[in-house]
Amino acid sequence: MEKTDGIGKEHGSTEENQSFKDGSICGYNSLHHLLSANLKPQLYQEVSRLLLGLNCGKALETIVPPESAKALSSKHDFDLQAFKFSADKELLREPRVVRVGLIQNSIALPTTAPFSDQKKAIFEKLGPIIDAAGASGVNILCLQEAWMMPFAFCTREKRWCEFAEPVNGESTQFLQEFALKYNMVIISSILERDINHGETLWNTAVIIGNHGNIIGKHRKNHIPRVGDFNESTYYMEGNTGHPVFETAYGKIAVNICYGRHHPLNWLAFGLNGAEIVFNPSATVGELSEPMWPIEVILYPHFI
């Protein structure tokens, strides 16, 4: 028998090869799931401390979601987790609690299906997940980069540009109803078609206010060009600078995907007054996950 690794799978086995094909890490959906399943609790806690640091000197506290949210998770088969991040108490101001939600989703239909059907299926898939966020009392909800379409920016196939839509298009209209229903701010990263300027395409985060209004937008300002992976096939660097948006729950900014690798991006958002900077992203575990702990520690505004 071939030598096995620390989690009991043979190198080169069918199971291991499949795990890399489906985007997992040896069959686990994250590095931390792999570690927690294969390390003793005390050792896992120490490894987590080294990777992520501590929150006000303590390990991160988990929260049990409400039963209504757990019921939606069970019925519609999506993972639901909640954590509490503390902050040091100030002397003159009362603590302010902000509940933040993050959604990472997959597509719902094969990419060979009609584009209109694909988008509709994604809307139907995300509806219950957003309902779970609302049931959990989330104040600010951030969806992943280009959530309303397959992430096709590595293909250089122009046909995917058909998914592009105006800032006030159907994806925004879909989310405005949830924002109003749950008194929730929603960050929606879309492929934008700028109908006022020659239908230029941008990778854009739309900020929807808790009254269903559009507060503003930010366009991705760093484009990956790594080997054959070149997103400028679809859009170019944004022209919105480093805006900060005043919301009912605090001052927020959005550093879209690849922008997280550029420290001056975080600095500029912070200098402009951002209290929380969101990083909507679409990537794969083995490519980006090793960098997450480093960037989380380096950039204190990062979510």
C-alpha atoms as a PDB file:
ATOM      1  CA  MET A   1       0.000   0.000   0.000  1.00  0.00           C
ATOM      2  CA  GLU A   2       1.182   3.506  -0.761  1.00  0.00           C
ATOM      3  CA  LYS A   3       2.112   5.825   2.063  1.00  0.00           C
ATOM      4  CA  THR A   4      -0.901   7.685   3.441  1.00  0.00           C
ATOM      5  CA  ASP A   5      -1.075  11.238   4.687  1.00  0.00           C
ATOM      6  CA  GLY A   6      -2.160  12.433   8.133  1.00  0.00           C
ATOM      7  CA  ILE A   7      -5.870  12.106   7.439  1.00  0.00           C
ATOM      8  CA  GLY A   8      -5.786   8.544   6.206  1.00  0.00           C
ATOM      9  CA  LYS A   9      -6.125   9.031   2.441  1.00  0.00           C
ATOM     10  CA  GLU A  10      -3.748   7.451  -0.008  1.00  0.00           C
ATOM     11  CA  HIS A  11      -1.704   9.822  -2.124  1.00  0.00           C
ATOM     12  CA  GLY A  12      -2.955   9.711  -5.670  1.00  0.00           C
ATOM     13  CA  SER A  13      -6.199   7.994  -4.662  1.00  0.00           C
ATOM     14  CA  THR A  14      -9.454   8.592  -6.518  1.00  0.00           C
ATOM     15  CA  GLU A  15     -10.965  10.261  -3.441  1.00  0.00           C
ATOM     16  CA  GLU A  16      -8.113  12.738  -3.121  1.00  0.00           C
ATOM     17  CA  ASN A  17      -8.093  13.574  -6.824  1.00  0.00           C
ATOM     18  CA  GLN A  18     -11.831  14.173  -6.693  1.00  0.00           C
ATOM     19  CA  SER A  19     -11.463  16.431  -3.657  1.00  0.00           C
ATOM     20  CA  PHE A  20      -9.188  18.752  -5.593  1.00  0.00           C
ATOM     21  CA  LYS A  21     -11.505  18.709  -8.597  1.00  0.00           C
ATOM     22  CA  ASP A  22     -14.503  19.808  -6.539  1.00  0.00           C
ATOM     23  CA  GLY A  23     -12.570  22.706  -4.992  1.00  0.00           C
ATOM     24  CA  SER A  24     -12.299  21.196  -1.522  1.00  0.00           C
ATOM     25  CA  ILE A  25      -9.159  20.602   0.524  1.00  0.00           C
ATOM     26  CA  CYS A  26      -8.776  16.822   0.767  1.00  0.00           C
ATOM     27  CA  GLY A  27     -12.549  16.551   0.929  1.00  0.00           C
ATOM     28  CA  TYR A  28     -13.036  19.343   3.488  1.00  0.00           C
ATOM     29  CA  ASN A  29     -14.659  22.644   2.548  1.00  0.00           C
ATOM     30  CA  SER A  30     -12.062  24.738   4.379  1.00  0.00           C
ATOM     31  CA  LEU A  31      -8.667  24.514   6.024  1.00  0.00           C
ATOM     32  CA  HIS A  32     -10.257  24.977   9.438  1.00  0.00           C
ATOM     33  CA  HIS A  33     -12.731  22.142   8.905  1.00  0.00           C
ATOM     34  CA  LEU A  34      -9.793  19.914   7.992  1.00  0.00           C
ATOM     35  CA  LEU A  35      -7.841  20.949  11.093  1.00  0.00           C
ATOM     36  CA  SER A  36     -10.773  20.717  13.511  1.00  0.00           C
ATOM     37  CA  ALA A  37     -11.652  17.222  12.285  1.00  0.00           C
ATOM     38  CA  ASN A  38      -8.127  15.855  12.618  1.00  0.00           C
ATOM     39  CA  LEU A  39      -6.533  17.641  15.586  1.00  0.00           C
ATOM     40  CA  LYS A  40      -7.245  17.236  19.267  1.00  0.00           C
ATOM     41  CA  PRO A  41      -9.340  20.174  20.577  1.00  0.00           C
ATOM     42  CA  GLN A  42      -6.513  21.713  22.611  1.00  0.00           C
ATOM     43  CA  LEU A  43      -4.079  21.507  19.695  1.00  0.00           C
ATOM     44  CA  TYR A  44      -6.686  22.865  17.261  1.00  0.00           C
ATOM     45  CA  GLN A  45      -7.278  25.843  19.556  1.00  0.00           C
ATOM     46  CA  GLU A  46      -3.558  26.615  19.599  1.00  0.00           C
ATOM     47  CA  VAL A  47      -3.253  26.270  15.810  1.00  0.00           C
ATOM     48  CA  SER A  48      -6.249  28.594  15.362  1.00  0.00           C
ATOM     49  CA  ARG A  49      -4.621  31.117  17.694  1.00  0.00           C
ATOM     50  CA  LEU A  50      -1.452  31.071  15.599  1.00  0.00           C
ATOM     51  CA  LEU A  51      -3.367  31.400  12.328  1.00  0.00           C
ATOM     52  CA  LEU A  52      -6.032  33.916  13.309  1.00  0.00           C
ATOM     53  CA  GLY A  53      -4.865  35.510  16.532  1.00  0.00           C
ATOM     54  CA  LEU A  54      -7.232  36.167  19.430  1.00  0.00           C
ATOM     55  CA  ASN A  55     -10.249  38.431  19.752  1.00  0.00           C
ATOM     56  CA  CYS A  56      -9.574  40.737  22.722  1.00  0.00           C
ATOM     57  CA  GLY A  57      -7.310  38.057  24.172  1.00  0.00           C
ATOM     58  CA  LYS A  58      -9.860  35.258  23.863  1.00  0.00           C
ATOM     59  CA  ALA A  59     -10.780  32.595  21.344  1.00  0.00           C
ATOM     60  CA  LEU A  60     -13.591  33.528  18.977  1.00  0.00           C
ATOM     61  CA  GLU A  61     -17.016  32.869  20.482  1.00  0.00           C
ATOM     62  CA  THR A  62     -19.623  30.923  18.505  1.00  0.00           C
ATOM     63  CA  ILE A  63     -23.299  31.912  18.495  1.00  0.00           C
ATOM     64  CA  VAL A  64     -26.271  29.579  18.124  1.00  0.00           C
ATOM     65  CA  PRO A  65     -28.514  30.907  15.312  1.00  0.00           C
ATOM     66  CA  PRO A  66     -32.261  31.228  15.958  1.00  0.00           C
ATOM     67  CA  GLU A  67     -34.410  28.165  15.276  1.00  0.00           C
ATOM     68  CA  SER A  68     -36.127  29.809  12.299  1.00  0.00           C
ATOM     69  CA  ALA A  69     -32.760  30.371  10.605  1.00  0.00           C
ATOM     70  CA  LYS A  70     -31.611  26.822  11.367  1.00  0.00           C
ATOM     71  CA  ALA A  71     -34.856  25.477   9.914  1.00  0.00           C
ATOM     72  CA  LEU A  72     -34.203  27.345   6.652  1.00  0.00           C
ATOM     73  CA  SER A  73     -30.643  26.009   6.596  1.00  0.00           C
ATOM     74  CA  SER A  74     -31.872  22.447   7.020  1.00  0.00           C
ATOM     75  CA  LYS A  75     -34.720  22.735   4.511  1.00  0.00           C
ATOM     76  CA  HIS A  76     -32.659  24.374   1.760  1.00  0.00           C
ATOM     77  CA  ASP A  77     -29.356  22.599   2.481  1.00  0.00           C
ATOM     78  CA  PHE A  78     -26.932  25.456   3.143  1.00  0.00           C
ATOM     79  CA  ASP A  79     -24.294  25.836   5.847  1.00  0.00           C
ATOM     80  CA  LEU A  80     -25.049  28.343   8.608  1.00  0.00           C
ATOM     81  CA  GLN A  81     -22.515  29.559  11.170  1.00  0.00           C
ATOM     82  CA  ALA A  82     -22.402  32.522  13.552  1.00  0.00           C
ATOM     83  CA  PHE A  83     -19.596  34.076  15.598  1.00  0.00           C
ATOM     84  CA  LYS A  84     -19.172  36.944  18.026  1.00  0.00           C
ATOM     85  CA  PHE A  85     -16.347  39.460  17.675  1.00  0.00           C
ATOM     86  CA  SER A  86     -15.773  41.641  20.712  1.00  0.00           C
ATOM     87  CA  ALA A  87     -14.080  45.024  20.979  1.00  0.00           C
ATOM     88  CA  ASP A  88     -12.386  46.781  23.866  1.00  0.00           C
ATOM     89  CA  LYS A  89     -14.783  49.030  25.773  1.00  0.00           C
ATOM     90  CA  GLU A  90     -14.472  52.764  25.296  1.00  0.00           C
ATOM     91  CA  LEU A  91     -14.588  55.186  28.207  1.00  0.00           C
ATOM     92  CA  LEU A  92     -17.089  57.723  26.879  1.00  0.00           C
ATOM     93  CA  ARG A  93     -19.286  55.849  24.386  1.00  0.00           C
ATOM     94  CA  GLU A  94     -21.668  52.954  24.858  1.00  0.00           C
ATOM     95  CA  PRO A  95     -20.881  49.758  22.910  1.00  0.00           C
ATOM     96  CA  ARG A  96     -22.471  49.512  19.467  1.00  0.00           C
ATOM     97  CA  VAL A  97     -23.469  46.068  18.202  1.00  0.00           C
ATOM     98  CA  VAL A  98     -23.425  45.493  14.435  1.00  0.00           C
ATOM     99  CA  ARG A  99     -24.553  42.129  13.068  1.00  0.00           C
ATOM    100  CA  VAL A 100     -22.767  41.317   9.816  1.00  0.00           C
ATOM    101  CA  GLY A 101     -23.747  38.538   7.408  1.00  0.00           C
ATOM    102  CA  LEU A 102     -21.655  37.036   4.606  1.00  0.00           C
ATOM    103  CA  ILE A 103     -22.935  34.768   1.822  1.00  0.00           C
ATOM    104  CA  GLN A 104     -20.796  32.542  -0.388  1.00  0.00           C
ATOM    105  CA  ASN A 105     -22.915  30.689  -2.943  1.00  0.00           C
ATOM    106  CA  SER A 106     -22.580  28.302  -5.855  1.00  0.00           C
ATOM    107  CA  ILE A 107     -24.548  28.412  -9.091  1.00  0.00           C
ATOM    108  CA  ALA A 108     -27.892  26.610  -9.277  1.00  0.00           C
ATOM    109  CA  LEU A 109     -28.059  25.350 -12.884  1.00  0.00           C
ATOM    110  CA  PRO A 110     -25.468  24.045 -15.369  1.00  0.00           C
ATOM    111  CA  THR A 111     -23.731  26.788 -17.342  1.00  0.00           C
ATOM    112  CA  THR A 112     -25.253  25.291 -20.497  1.00  0.00           C
ATOM    113  CA  ALA A 113     -28.749  26.381 -19.404  1.00  0.00           C
ATOM    114  CA  PRO A 114     -30.245  29.588 -20.864  1.00  0.00           C
ATOM    115  CA  PHE A 115     -28.743  32.609 -19.136  1.00  0.00           C
ATOM    116  CA  SER A 116     -32.110  33.931 -17.981  1.00  0.00           C
ATOM    117  CA  ASP A 117     -32.872  30.573 -16.345  1.00  0.00           C
ATOM    118  CA  GLN A 118     -29.466  30.518 -14.643  1.00  0.00           C
ATOM    119  CA  LYS A 119     -29.975  33.950 -13.102  1.00  0.00           C
ATOM    120  CA  LYS A 120     -33.521  33.152 -11.988  1.00  0.00           C
ATOM    121  CA  ALA A 121     -32.316  29.923 -10.343  1.00  0.00           C
ATOM    122  CA  ILE A 122     -29.608  31.814  -8.430  1.00  0.00           C
ATOM    123  CA  PHE A 123     -32.233  34.282  -7.179  1.00  0.00           C
ATOM    124  CA  GLU A 124     -34.404  31.389  -5.999  1.00  0.00           C
ATOM    125  CA  LYS A 125     -31.427  29.752  -4.286  1.00  0.00           C
ATOM    126  CA  LEU A 126     -30.362  32.900  -2.445  1.00  0.00           C
ATOM    127  CA  GLY A 127     -33.836  33.903  -1.270  1.00  0.00           C
ATOM    128  CA  PRO A 128     -33.972  31.446   1.678  1.00  0.00           C
ATOM    129  CA  ILE A 129     -30.354  32.229   2.613  1.00  0.00           C
ATOM    130  CA  ILE A 130     -31.136  35.944   2.824  1.00  0.00           C
ATOM    131  CA  ASP A 131     -34.270  35.088   4.812  1.00  0.00           C
ATOM    132  CA  ALA A 132     -32.041  33.216   7.286  1.00  0.00           C
ATOM    133  CA  ALA A 133     -29.835  36.294   7.584  1.00  0.00           C
ATOM    134  CA  GLY A 134     -32.907  38.419   8.230  1.00  0.00           C
ATOM    135  CA  ALA A 135     -34.199  35.956  10.831  1.00  0.00           C
ATOM    136  CA  SER A 136     -30.799  36.171  12.544  1.00  0.00           C
ATOM    137  CA  GLY A 137     -31.034  39.947  12.853  1.00  0.00           C
ATOM    138  CA  VAL A 138     -28.259  40.743  10.377  1.00  0.00           C
ATOM    139  CA  ASN A 139     -27.759  44.497   9.906  1.00  0.00           C
ATOM    140  CA  ILE A 140     -25.318  44.480   6.971  1.00  0.00           C
ATOM    141  CA  LEU A 141     -25.272  41.606   4.478  1.00  0.00           C
ATOM    142  CA  CYS A 142     -22.483  41.149   1.923  1.00  0.00           C
ATOM    143  CA  LEU A 143     -22.885  38.821  -1.061  1.00  0.00           C
ATOM    144  CA  GLN A 144     -19.945  37.328  -2.939  1.00  0.00           C
ATOM    145  CA  GLU A 145     -18.333  38.864  -5.998  1.00  0.00           C
ATOM    146  CA  ALA A 146     -20.537  38.582  -9.113  1.00  0.00           C
ATOM    147  CA  TRP A 147     -23.036  36.477  -7.161  1.00  0.00           C
ATOM    148  CA  MET A 148     -25.699  36.770  -9.880  1.00  0.00           C
ATOM    149  CA  MET A 149     -23.808  34.745 -12.509  1.00  0.00           C
ATOM    150  CA  PRO A 150     -21.279  31.933 -12.935  1.00  0.00           C
ATOM    151  CA  PHE A 151     -17.798  33.239 -12.163  1.00  0.00           C
ATOM    152  CA  ALA A 152     -16.578  33.088 -15.760  1.00  0.00           C
ATOM    153  CA  PHE A 153     -13.980  35.866 -15.699  1.00  0.00           C
ATOM    154  CA  CYS A 154     -11.123  33.399 -16.167  1.00  0.00           C
ATOM    155  CA  THR A 155     -12.490  32.045 -19.471  1.00  0.00           C
ATOM    156  CA  ARG A 156     -12.096  35.053 -21.809  1.00  0.00           C
ATOM    157  CA  GLU A 157     -15.412  34.066 -23.401  1.00  0.00           C
ATOM    158  CA  LYS A 158     -17.321  37.241 -24.219  1.00  0.00           C
ATOM    159  CA  ARG A 159     -20.744  35.600 -24.124  1.00  0.00           C
ATOM    160  CA  TRP A 160     -20.782  35.849 -20.316  1.00  0.00           C
ATOM    161  CA  CYS A 161     -21.054  39.625 -20.679  1.00  0.00           C
ATOM    162  CA  GLU A 162     -24.760  39.071 -21.295  1.00  0.00           C
ATOM    163  CA  PHE A 163     -25.130  38.779 -17.512  1.00  0.00           C
ATOM    164  CA  ALA A 164     -24.100  42.434 -17.105  1.00  0.00           C
ATOM    165  CA  GLU A 165     -26.836  44.791 -15.923  1.00  0.00           C
ATOM    166  CA  PRO A 166     -27.263  48.416 -14.806  1.00  0.00           C
ATOM    167  CA  VAL A 167     -26.768  49.395 -11.169  1.00  0.00           C
ATOM    168  CA  ASN A 168     -30.553  49.569 -10.782  1.00  0.00           C
ATOM    169  CA  GLY A 169     -31.112  46.326 -12.722  1.00  0.00           C
ATOM    170  CA  GLU A 170     -32.951  43.156 -11.768  1.00  0.00           C
ATOM    171  CA  SER A 171     -30.375  41.942  -9.210  1.00  0.00           C
ATOM    172  CA  THR A 172     -30.580  45.213  -7.303  1.00  0.00           C
ATOM    173  CA  GLN A 173     -34.376  45.211  -7.512  1.00  0.00           C
ATOM    174  CA  PHE A 174     -34.439  41.631  -6.194  1.00  0.00           C
ATOM    175  CA  LEU A 175     -32.327  42.600  -3.167  1.00  0.00           C
ATOM    176  CA  GLN A 176     -34.099  45.890  -2.468  1.00  0.00           C
ATOM    177  CA  GLU A 177     -37.166  43.961  -1.325  1.00  0.00           C
ATOM    178  CA  PHE A 178     -35.106  42.044   1.252  1.00  0.00           C
ATOM    179  CA  ALA A 179     -33.344  45.208   2.427  1.00  0.00           C
ATOM    180  CA  LEU A 180     -36.683  46.863   3.071  1.00  0.00           C
ATOM    181  CA  LYS A 181     -38.239  43.732   4.610  1.00  0.00           C
ATOM    182  CA  TYR A 182     -35.439  43.159   7.128  1.00  0.00           C
ATOM    183  CA  ASN A 183     -34.239  46.755   7.667  1.00  0.00           C
ATOM    184  CA  MET A 184     -30.915  45.529   6.292  1.00  0.00           C
ATOM    185  CA  VAL A 185     -28.048  47.109   4.340  1.00  0.00           C
ATOM    186  CA  ILE A 186     -26.988  44.825   1.466  1.00  0.00           C
ATOM    187  CA  ILE A 187     -23.728  44.876  -0.509  1.00  0.00           C
ATOM    188  CA  SER A 188     -24.313  43.403  -3.961  1.00  0.00           C
ATOM    189  CA  SER A 189     -21.326  42.804  -6.242  1.00  0.00           C
ATOM    190  CA  ILE A 190     -22.457  42.596  -9.876  1.00  0.00           C
ATOM    191  CA  LEU A 191     -21.123  42.789 -13.410  1.00  0.00           C
ATOM    192  CA  GLU A 192     -22.279  46.319 -14.228  1.00  0.00           C
ATOM    193  CA  ARG A 193     -23.287  47.579 -17.664  1.00  0.00           C
ATOM    194  CA  ASP A 194     -22.859  51.368 -17.645  1.00  0.00           C
ATOM    195  CA  ILE A 195     -25.662  52.325 -20.023  1.00  0.00           C
ATOM    196  CA  ASN A 196     -24.820  56.035 -19.724  1.00  0.00           C
ATOM    197  CA  HIS A 197     -21.249  55.631 -20.987  1.00  0.00           C
ATOM    198  CA  GLY A 198     -21.212  53.395 -24.033  1.00  0.00           C
ATOM    199  CA  GLU A 199     -22.267  50.280 -22.087  1.00  0.00           C
ATOM    200  CA  THR A 200     -18.836  50.029 -20.478  1.00  0.00           C
ATOM    201  CA  LEU A 201     -18.557  47.000 -18.179  1.00  0.00           C
ATOM    202  CA  TRP A 202     -17.371  47.240 -14.574  1.00  0.00           C
ATOM    203  CA  ASN A 203     -17.038  44.901 -11.603  1.00  0.00           C
ATOM    204  CA  THR A 204     -19.222  46.877  -9.218  1.00  0.00           C
ATOM    205  CA  ALA A 205     -20.455  46.663  -5.634  1.00  0.00           C
ATOM    206  CA  VAL A 206     -23.881  48.263  -5.215  1.00  0.00           C
ATOM    207  CA  ILE A 207     -24.691  49.492  -1.697  1.00  0.00           C
ATOM    208  CA  ILE A 208     -28.400  49.102  -0.933  1.00  0.00           C
ATOM    209  CA  GLY A 209     -29.687  50.964   2.123  1.00  0.00           C
ATOM    210  CA  ASN A 210     -31.950  49.537   4.810  1.00  0.00           C
ATOM    211  CA  HIS A 211     -34.908  51.431   3.303  1.00  0.00           C
ATOM    212  CA  GLY A 212     -34.372  49.778  -0.081  1.00  0.00           C
ATOM    213  CA  ASN A 213     -32.615  52.827  -1.507  1.00  0.00           C
ATOM    214  CA  ILE A 214     -29.365  52.740  -3.500  1.00  0.00           C
ATOM    215  CA  ILE A 215     -26.746  54.531  -1.383  1.00  0.00           C
ATOM    216  CA  GLY A 216     -23.963  54.315  -3.955  1.00  0.00           C
ATOM    217  CA  LYS A 217     -21.517  52.062  -5.761  1.00  0.00           C
ATOM    218  CA  HIS A 218     -17.836  51.190  -5.888  1.00  0.00           C
ATOM    219  CA  ARG A 219     -15.996  49.708  -8.860  1.00  0.00           C
ATOM    220  CA  LYS A 220     -13.175  47.182  -8.466  1.00  0.00           C
ATOM    221  CA  ASN A 221      -9.896  49.056  -8.756  1.00  0.00           C
ATOM    222  CA  HIS A 222      -7.345  46.235  -9.073  1.00  0.00           C
ATOM    223  CA  ILE A 223      -7.670  43.635 -11.845  1.00  0.00           C
ATOM    224  CA  PRO A 224      -5.806  40.289 -11.669  1.00  0.00           C
ATOM    225  CA  ARG A 225      -3.530  39.596 -14.607  1.00  0.00           C
ATOM    226  CA  VAL A 226      -1.774  36.383 -13.610  1.00  0.00           C
ATOM    227  CA  GLY A 227      -0.630  34.203 -16.492  1.00  0.00           C
ATOM    228  CA  ASP A 228      -3.661  33.411 -18.617  1.00  0.00           C
ATOM    229  CA  PHE A 229      -6.025  34.609 -15.879  1.00  0.00           C
ATOM    230  CA  ASN A 230      -6.849  38.112 -17.071  1.00  0.00           C
ATOM    231  CA  GLU A 231     -10.110  39.691 -15.955  1.00  0.00           C
ATOM    232  CA  SER A 232      -9.524  42.778 -18.107  1.00  0.00           C
ATOM    233  CA  THR A 233     -11.112  40.741 -20.902  1.00  0.00           C
ATOM    234  CA  TYR A 234     -14.396  41.742 -19.271  1.00  0.00           C
ATOM    235  CA  TYR A 235     -13.782  45.040 -17.472  1.00  0.00           C
ATOM    236  CA  MET A 236     -11.019  47.471 -16.563  1.00  0.00           C
ATOM    237  CA  GLU A 237      -9.942  49.165 -13.337  1.00  0.00           C
ATOM    238  CA  GLY A 238     -12.691  51.149 -11.665  1.00  0.00           C
ATOM    239  CA  ASN A 239     -12.908  54.927 -11.510  1.00  0.00           C
ATOM    240  CA  THR A 240     -14.584  55.463  -8.134  1.00  0.00           C
ATOM    241  CA  GLY A 241     -11.493  55.848  -5.945  1.00  0.00           C
ATOM    242  CA  HIS A 242     -11.919  54.672  -2.335  1.00  0.00           C
ATOM    243  CA  PRO A 243     -15.432  55.732  -1.288  1.00  0.00           C
ATOM    244  CA  VAL A 244     -16.880  55.243   2.186  1.00  0.00           C
ATOM    245  CA  PHE A 245     -20.638  54.912   2.589  1.00  0.00           C
ATOM    246  CA  GLU A 246     -22.611  56.236   5.555  1.00  0.00           C
ATOM    247  CA  THR A 247     -25.222  53.646   6.550  1.00  0.00           C
ATOM    248  CA  ALA A 248     -27.636  53.252   9.445  1.00  0.00           C
ATOM    249  CA  TYR A 249     -25.160  50.836  11.051  1.00  0.00           C
ATOM    250  CA  GLY A 250     -21.841  52.563  10.475  1.00  0.00           C
ATOM    251  CA  LYS A 251     -19.396  53.750   7.838  1.00  0.00           C
ATOM    252  CA  ILE A 252     -18.521  50.960   5.409  1.00  0.00           C
ATOM    253  CA  ALA A 253     -16.334  50.434   2.360  1.00  0.00           C
ATOM    254  CA  VAL A 254     -15.923  47.620  -0.166  1.00  0.00           C
ATOM    255  CA  ASN A 255     -12.541  46.297  -1.314  1.00  0.00           C
ATOM    256  CA  ILE A 256     -13.525  43.909  -4.101  1.00  0.00           C
ATOM    257  CA  CYS A 257     -11.708  40.544  -4.338  1.00  0.00           C
ATOM    258  CA  TYR A 258      -8.179  41.036  -5.757  1.00  0.00           C
ATOM    259  CA  GLY A 259      -7.962  44.472  -4.159  1.00  0.00           C
ATOM    260  CA  ARG A 260      -7.347  42.772  -0.811  1.00  0.00           C
ATOM    261  CA  HIS A 261      -3.769  41.968  -1.869  1.00  0.00           C
ATOM    262  CA  HIS A 262      -2.942  45.685  -2.082  1.00  0.00           C
ATOM    263  CA  PRO A 263      -2.241  47.185   1.380  1.00  0.00           C
ATOM    264  CA  LEU A 264      -2.720  50.771   0.219  1.00  0.00           C
ATOM    265  CA  ASN A 265      -6.317  49.931  -0.681  1.00  0.00           C
ATOM    266  CA  TRP A 266      -7.058  49.127   2.964  1.00  0.00           C
ATOM    267  CA  LEU A 267      -5.122  52.190   4.101  1.00  0.00           C
ATOM    268  CA  ALA A 268      -7.082  54.494   1.784  1.00  0.00           C
ATOM    269  CA  PHE A 269     -10.455  53.157   2.927  1.00  0.00           C
ATOM    270  CA  GLY A 270      -9.382  53.527   6.559  1.00  0.00           C
ATOM    271  CA  LEU A 271      -8.104  57.071   6.061  1.00  0.00           C
ATOM    272  CA  ASN A 272     -11.415  57.934   4.412  1.00  0.00           C
ATOM    273  CA  GLY A 273     -13.223  56.931   7.593  1.00  0.00           C
ATOM    274  CA  ALA A 274     -14.357  53.340   7.034  1.00  0.00           C
ATOM    275  CA  GLU A 275     -15.225  51.431  10.208  1.00  0.00           C
ATOM    276  CA  ILE A 276     -15.763  48.122   8.380  1.00  0.00           C
ATOM    277  CA  VAL A 277     -14.323  47.163   4.989  1.00  0.00           C
ATOM    278  CA  PHE A 278     -15.976  44.243   3.207  1.00  0.00           C
ATOM    279  CA  ASN A 279     -14.179  42.003   0.723  1.00  0.00           C
ATOM    280  CA  PRO A 280     -16.659  40.250  -1.601  1.00  0.00           C
ATOM    281  CA  SER A 281     -14.673  37.572  -3.374  1.00  0.00           C
ATOM    282  CA  ALA A 282     -15.057  34.581  -5.669  1.00  0.00           C
ATOM    283  CA  THR A 283     -12.079  32.250  -5.590  1.00  0.00           C
ATOM    284  CA  VAL A 284     -11.025  28.685  -4.779  1.00  0.00           C
ATOM    285  CA  GLY A 285      -9.684  27.329  -1.507  1.00  0.00           C
ATOM    286  CA  GLU A 286      -6.291  26.020  -2.558  1.00  0.00           C
ATOM    287  CA  LEU A 287      -5.517  29.285  -4.399  1.00  0.00           C
ATOM    288  CA  SER A 288      -6.481  31.873  -1.789  1.00  0.00           C
ATOM    289  CA  GLU A 289      -7.147  30.274   1.588  1.00  0.00           C
ATOM    290  CA  PRO A 290      -3.463  30.206   2.678  1.00  0.00           C
ATOM    291  CA  MET A 291      -3.453  34.014   2.352  1.00  0.00           C
ATOM    292  CA  TRP A 292      -6.645  34.718   4.336  1.00  0.00           C
ATOM    293  CA  PRO A 293      -5.134  34.395   7.849  1.00  0.00           C
ATOM    294  CA  ILE A 294      -2.189  36.620   6.931  1.00  0.00           C
ATOM    295  CA  GLU A 295      -4.402  39.318   5.442  1.00  0.00           C
ATOM    296  CA  VAL A 296      -6.903  39.153   8.309  1.00  0.00           C
ATOM    297  CA  ILE A 297      -4.121  39.882  10.798  1.00  0.00           C
ATOM    298  CA  LEU A 298      -2.530  42.626   8.681  1.00  0.00           C
ATOM    299  CA  TYR A 299      -5.726  44.514   7.840  1.00  0.00           C
ATOM    300  CA  PRO A 300      -7.839  45.145  10.977  1.00  0.00           C
ATOM    301  CA  HIS A 301     -10.858  46.501   9.049  1.00  0.00           C
ATOM    302  CA  PHE A 302     -11.079  43.309   6.994  1.00  0.00           C
ATOM    303  CA  ILE A 303     -14.280  41.218   6.736  1.00  0.00           C
END
